[in-house]
């Protein structure tokens, strides 16, 4: 069982390493069977998830963190295609590894052609 403090530390370490583009270190905090569900698609497995992350190189600006047992919720700004998007991520942590990530945001600014 993962405690609330451990779950939060796991997720925050994961985000820190993503921001530093140290994908090898970030991957140590995820389960091989990681499930990702987002507005623009889903991924099954850590391999597929990290292929995307290494290509996109997002930078997360954390605004607020909530933790409850094995669940951690982050509210953050992320830059996508030069546009700052307010996003919410729900991370599930089991045995100190992230097993699922669900992300929601309003995609309209990305879809509007200028």
C-alpha atoms as a PDB file:
ATOM      1  CA  UNK A   1       0.000   0.000   0.000  1.00  0.00           C
ATOM      2  CA  UNK A   2       1.161   3.508  -0.845  1.00  0.00           C
ATOM      3  CA  UNK A   3       0.628   6.277   1.706  1.00  0.00           C
ATOM      4  CA  UNK A   4      -0.618   9.745   0.734  1.00  0.00           C
ATOM      5  CA  UNK A   5       2.828  11.254   1.372  1.00  0.00           C
ATOM      6  CA  UNK A   6       4.593   8.590  -0.668  1.00  0.00           C
ATOM      7  CA  UNK A   7       2.102   8.933  -3.534  1.00  0.00           C
ATOM      8  CA  UNK A   8       2.571  12.703  -3.658  1.00  0.00           C
ATOM      9  CA  UNK A   9       6.368  12.361  -3.541  1.00  0.00           C
ATOM     10  CA  UNK A  10       6.273   9.773  -6.328  1.00  0.00           C
ATOM     11  CA  UNK A  11       4.232  12.031  -8.615  1.00  0.00           C
ATOM     12  CA  UNK A  12       6.218  15.179  -7.839  1.00  0.00           C
ATOM     13  CA  UNK A  13       9.512  13.354  -8.495  1.00  0.00           C
ATOM     14  CA  UNK A  14       8.098  12.042 -11.780  1.00  0.00           C
ATOM     15  CA  UNK A  15       7.095  15.571 -12.875  1.00  0.00           C
ATOM     16  CA  UNK A  16      10.458  17.007 -11.790  1.00  0.00           C
ATOM     17  CA  UNK A  17      12.306  14.565 -14.023  1.00  0.00           C
ATOM     18  CA  UNK A  18       9.936  15.139 -16.951  1.00  0.00           C
ATOM     19  CA  UNK A  19      10.602  18.886 -16.646  1.00  0.00           C
ATOM     20  CA  UNK A  20      14.348  18.179 -16.642  1.00  0.00           C
ATOM     21  CA  UNK A  21      13.925  15.878 -19.678  1.00  0.00           C
ATOM     22  CA  UNK A  22      15.498  13.043 -17.689  1.00  0.00           C
ATOM     23  CA  UNK A  23      13.111  10.420 -19.027  1.00  0.00           C
ATOM     24  CA  UNK A  24      15.141   7.511 -17.649  1.00  0.00           C
ATOM     25  CA  UNK A  25      14.783   8.864 -14.114  1.00  0.00           C
ATOM     26  CA  UNK A  26      11.086   9.726 -14.642  1.00  0.00           C
ATOM     27  CA  UNK A  27      10.380   6.215 -15.874  1.00  0.00           C
ATOM     28  CA  UNK A  28      11.583   4.747 -12.555  1.00  0.00           C
ATOM     29  CA  UNK A  29       8.401   6.194 -11.012  1.00  0.00           C
ATOM     30  CA  UNK A  30       6.007   4.454 -13.427  1.00  0.00           C
ATOM     31  CA  UNK A  31       4.676   0.936 -13.731  1.00  0.00           C
ATOM     32  CA  UNK A  32       5.429  -0.869 -17.022  1.00  0.00           C
ATOM     33  CA  UNK A  33       1.659  -1.266 -17.514  1.00  0.00           C
ATOM     34  CA  UNK A  34       1.013   2.483 -17.174  1.00  0.00           C
ATOM     35  CA  UNK A  35      -2.361   3.542 -18.608  1.00  0.00           C
ATOM     36  CA  UNK A  36      -2.735   7.087 -19.923  1.00  0.00           C
ATOM     37  CA  UNK A  37      -6.096   8.639 -20.825  1.00  0.00           C
ATOM     38  CA  UNK A  38      -6.196  12.179 -22.161  1.00  0.00           C
ATOM     39  CA  UNK A  39      -8.304  14.536 -24.208  1.00  0.00           C
ATOM     40  CA  UNK A  40      -6.300  13.915 -27.372  1.00  0.00           C
ATOM     41  CA  UNK A  41      -5.855  10.144 -26.969  1.00  0.00           C
ATOM     42  CA  UNK A  42      -4.785   7.279 -24.773  1.00  0.00           C
ATOM     43  CA  UNK A  43      -1.698   5.099 -24.389  1.00  0.00           C
ATOM     44  CA  UNK A  44      -1.201   1.607 -22.987  1.00  0.00           C
ATOM     45  CA  UNK A  45       2.170   0.894 -21.448  1.00  0.00           C
ATOM     46  CA  UNK A  46       5.110   2.977 -20.267  1.00  0.00           C
ATOM     47  CA  UNK A  47       6.919   2.505 -23.612  1.00  0.00           C
ATOM     48  CA  UNK A  48       4.157   4.248 -25.584  1.00  0.00           C
ATOM     49  CA  UNK A  49       3.765   6.998 -22.988  1.00  0.00           C
ATOM     50  CA  UNK A  50       7.475   7.839 -22.865  1.00  0.00           C
ATOM     51  CA  UNK A  51       7.805   7.809 -26.663  1.00  0.00           C
ATOM     52  CA  UNK A  52       5.315  10.690 -26.678  1.00  0.00           C
ATOM     53  CA  UNK A  53       6.890  12.510 -23.734  1.00  0.00           C
ATOM     54  CA  UNK A  54      10.376  12.369 -25.262  1.00  0.00           C
ATOM     55  CA  UNK A  55       9.023  13.891 -28.462  1.00  0.00           C
ATOM     56  CA  UNK A  56       6.810  16.579 -26.878  1.00  0.00           C
ATOM     57  CA  UNK A  57       9.098  17.619 -23.990  1.00  0.00           C
ATOM     58  CA  UNK A  58       6.324  19.348 -22.049  1.00  0.00           C
ATOM     59  CA  UNK A  59       7.166  21.646 -19.155  1.00  0.00           C
ATOM     60  CA  UNK A  60       4.780  21.481 -16.216  1.00  0.00           C
ATOM     61  CA  UNK A  61       4.164  24.538 -14.034  1.00  0.00           C
ATOM     62  CA  UNK A  62       2.416  23.083 -10.972  1.00  0.00           C
ATOM     63  CA  UNK A  63      -0.223  25.357  -9.466  1.00  0.00           C
ATOM     64  CA  UNK A  64      -1.803  23.052  -6.858  1.00  0.00           C
ATOM     65  CA  UNK A  65      -1.417  19.491  -5.595  1.00  0.00           C
ATOM     66  CA  UNK A  66      -4.035  17.350  -3.833  1.00  0.00           C
ATOM     67  CA  UNK A  67      -3.375  13.867  -2.468  1.00  0.00           C
ATOM     68  CA  UNK A  68      -5.713  11.268  -0.991  1.00  0.00           C
ATOM     69  CA  UNK A  69      -4.284   7.822  -0.326  1.00  0.00           C
ATOM     70  CA  UNK A  70      -3.001   6.434  -3.616  1.00  0.00           C
ATOM     71  CA  UNK A  71      -4.503   9.247  -5.694  1.00  0.00           C
ATOM     72  CA  UNK A  72      -2.761  12.514  -6.538  1.00  0.00           C
ATOM     73  CA  UNK A  73      -4.344  15.385  -8.443  1.00  0.00           C
ATOM     74  CA  UNK A  74      -2.256  18.133 -10.024  1.00  0.00           C
ATOM     75  CA  UNK A  75      -3.536  21.408 -11.411  1.00  0.00           C
ATOM     76  CA  UNK A  76      -0.917  22.856 -13.733  1.00  0.00           C
ATOM     77  CA  UNK A  77      -0.165  24.999 -16.738  1.00  0.00           C
ATOM     78  CA  UNK A  78       1.542  23.283 -19.631  1.00  0.00           C
ATOM     79  CA  UNK A  79       2.843  24.734 -22.862  1.00  0.00           C
ATOM     80  CA  UNK A  80       1.508  22.971 -25.955  1.00  0.00           C
ATOM     81  CA  UNK A  81       2.469  24.306 -29.370  1.00  0.00           C
ATOM     82  CA  UNK A  82       3.294  27.710 -27.870  1.00  0.00           C
ATOM     83  CA  UNK A  83      -0.037  27.943 -26.047  1.00  0.00           C
ATOM     84  CA  UNK A  84      -0.328  27.758 -22.257  1.00  0.00           C
ATOM     85  CA  UNK A  85      -3.094  25.314 -21.319  1.00  0.00           C
ATOM     86  CA  UNK A  86      -4.580  24.936 -17.825  1.00  0.00           C
ATOM     87  CA  UNK A  87      -4.702  21.189 -17.138  1.00  0.00           C
ATOM     88  CA  UNK A  88      -5.775  18.730 -14.464  1.00  0.00           C
ATOM     89  CA  UNK A  89      -3.985  15.409 -14.045  1.00  0.00           C
ATOM     90  CA  UNK A  90      -5.156  12.510 -11.855  1.00  0.00           C
ATOM     91  CA  UNK A  91      -2.342  10.097 -10.998  1.00  0.00           C
ATOM     92  CA  UNK A  92      -2.940   6.683  -9.414  1.00  0.00           C
ATOM     93  CA  UNK A  93       0.036   5.314  -7.459  1.00  0.00           C
ATOM     94  CA  UNK A  94       0.335   1.676  -6.370  1.00  0.00           C
ATOM     95  CA  UNK A  95       3.420   0.295  -4.613  1.00  0.00           C
ATOM     96  CA  UNK A  96       5.160   3.640  -5.207  1.00  0.00           C
ATOM     97  CA  UNK A  97       4.709   3.427  -9.003  1.00  0.00           C
ATOM     98  CA  UNK A  98       2.316   5.475 -11.144  1.00  0.00           C
ATOM     99  CA  UNK A  99      -0.127   3.019 -12.693  1.00  0.00           C
ATOM    100  CA  UNK A 100      -2.510   5.429 -14.406  1.00  0.00           C
ATOM    101  CA  UNK A 101      -2.731   9.036 -15.502  1.00  0.00           C
ATOM    102  CA  UNK A 102      -5.946  10.770 -16.551  1.00  0.00           C
ATOM    103  CA  UNK A 103      -5.624  14.267 -17.978  1.00  0.00           C
ATOM    104  CA  UNK A 104      -8.325  16.802 -18.809  1.00  0.00           C
ATOM    105  CA  UNK A 105      -8.092  20.238 -20.402  1.00  0.00           C
ATOM    106  CA  UNK A 106      -9.998  22.420 -22.845  1.00  0.00           C
ATOM    107  CA  UNK A 107      -8.460  21.592 -26.262  1.00  0.00           C
ATOM    108  CA  UNK A 108     -10.165  24.427 -28.167  1.00  0.00           C
ATOM    109  CA  UNK A 109      -7.144  26.773 -28.171  1.00  0.00           C
ATOM    110  CA  UNK A 110      -5.111  23.997 -29.869  1.00  0.00           C
ATOM    111  CA  UNK A 111      -7.794  23.331 -32.470  1.00  0.00           C
ATOM    112  CA  UNK A 112      -8.437  26.932 -33.532  1.00  0.00           C
ATOM    113  CA  UNK A 113      -6.399  27.820 -36.590  1.00  0.00           C
ATOM    114  CA  UNK A 114      -4.953  31.310 -36.570  1.00  0.00           C
END
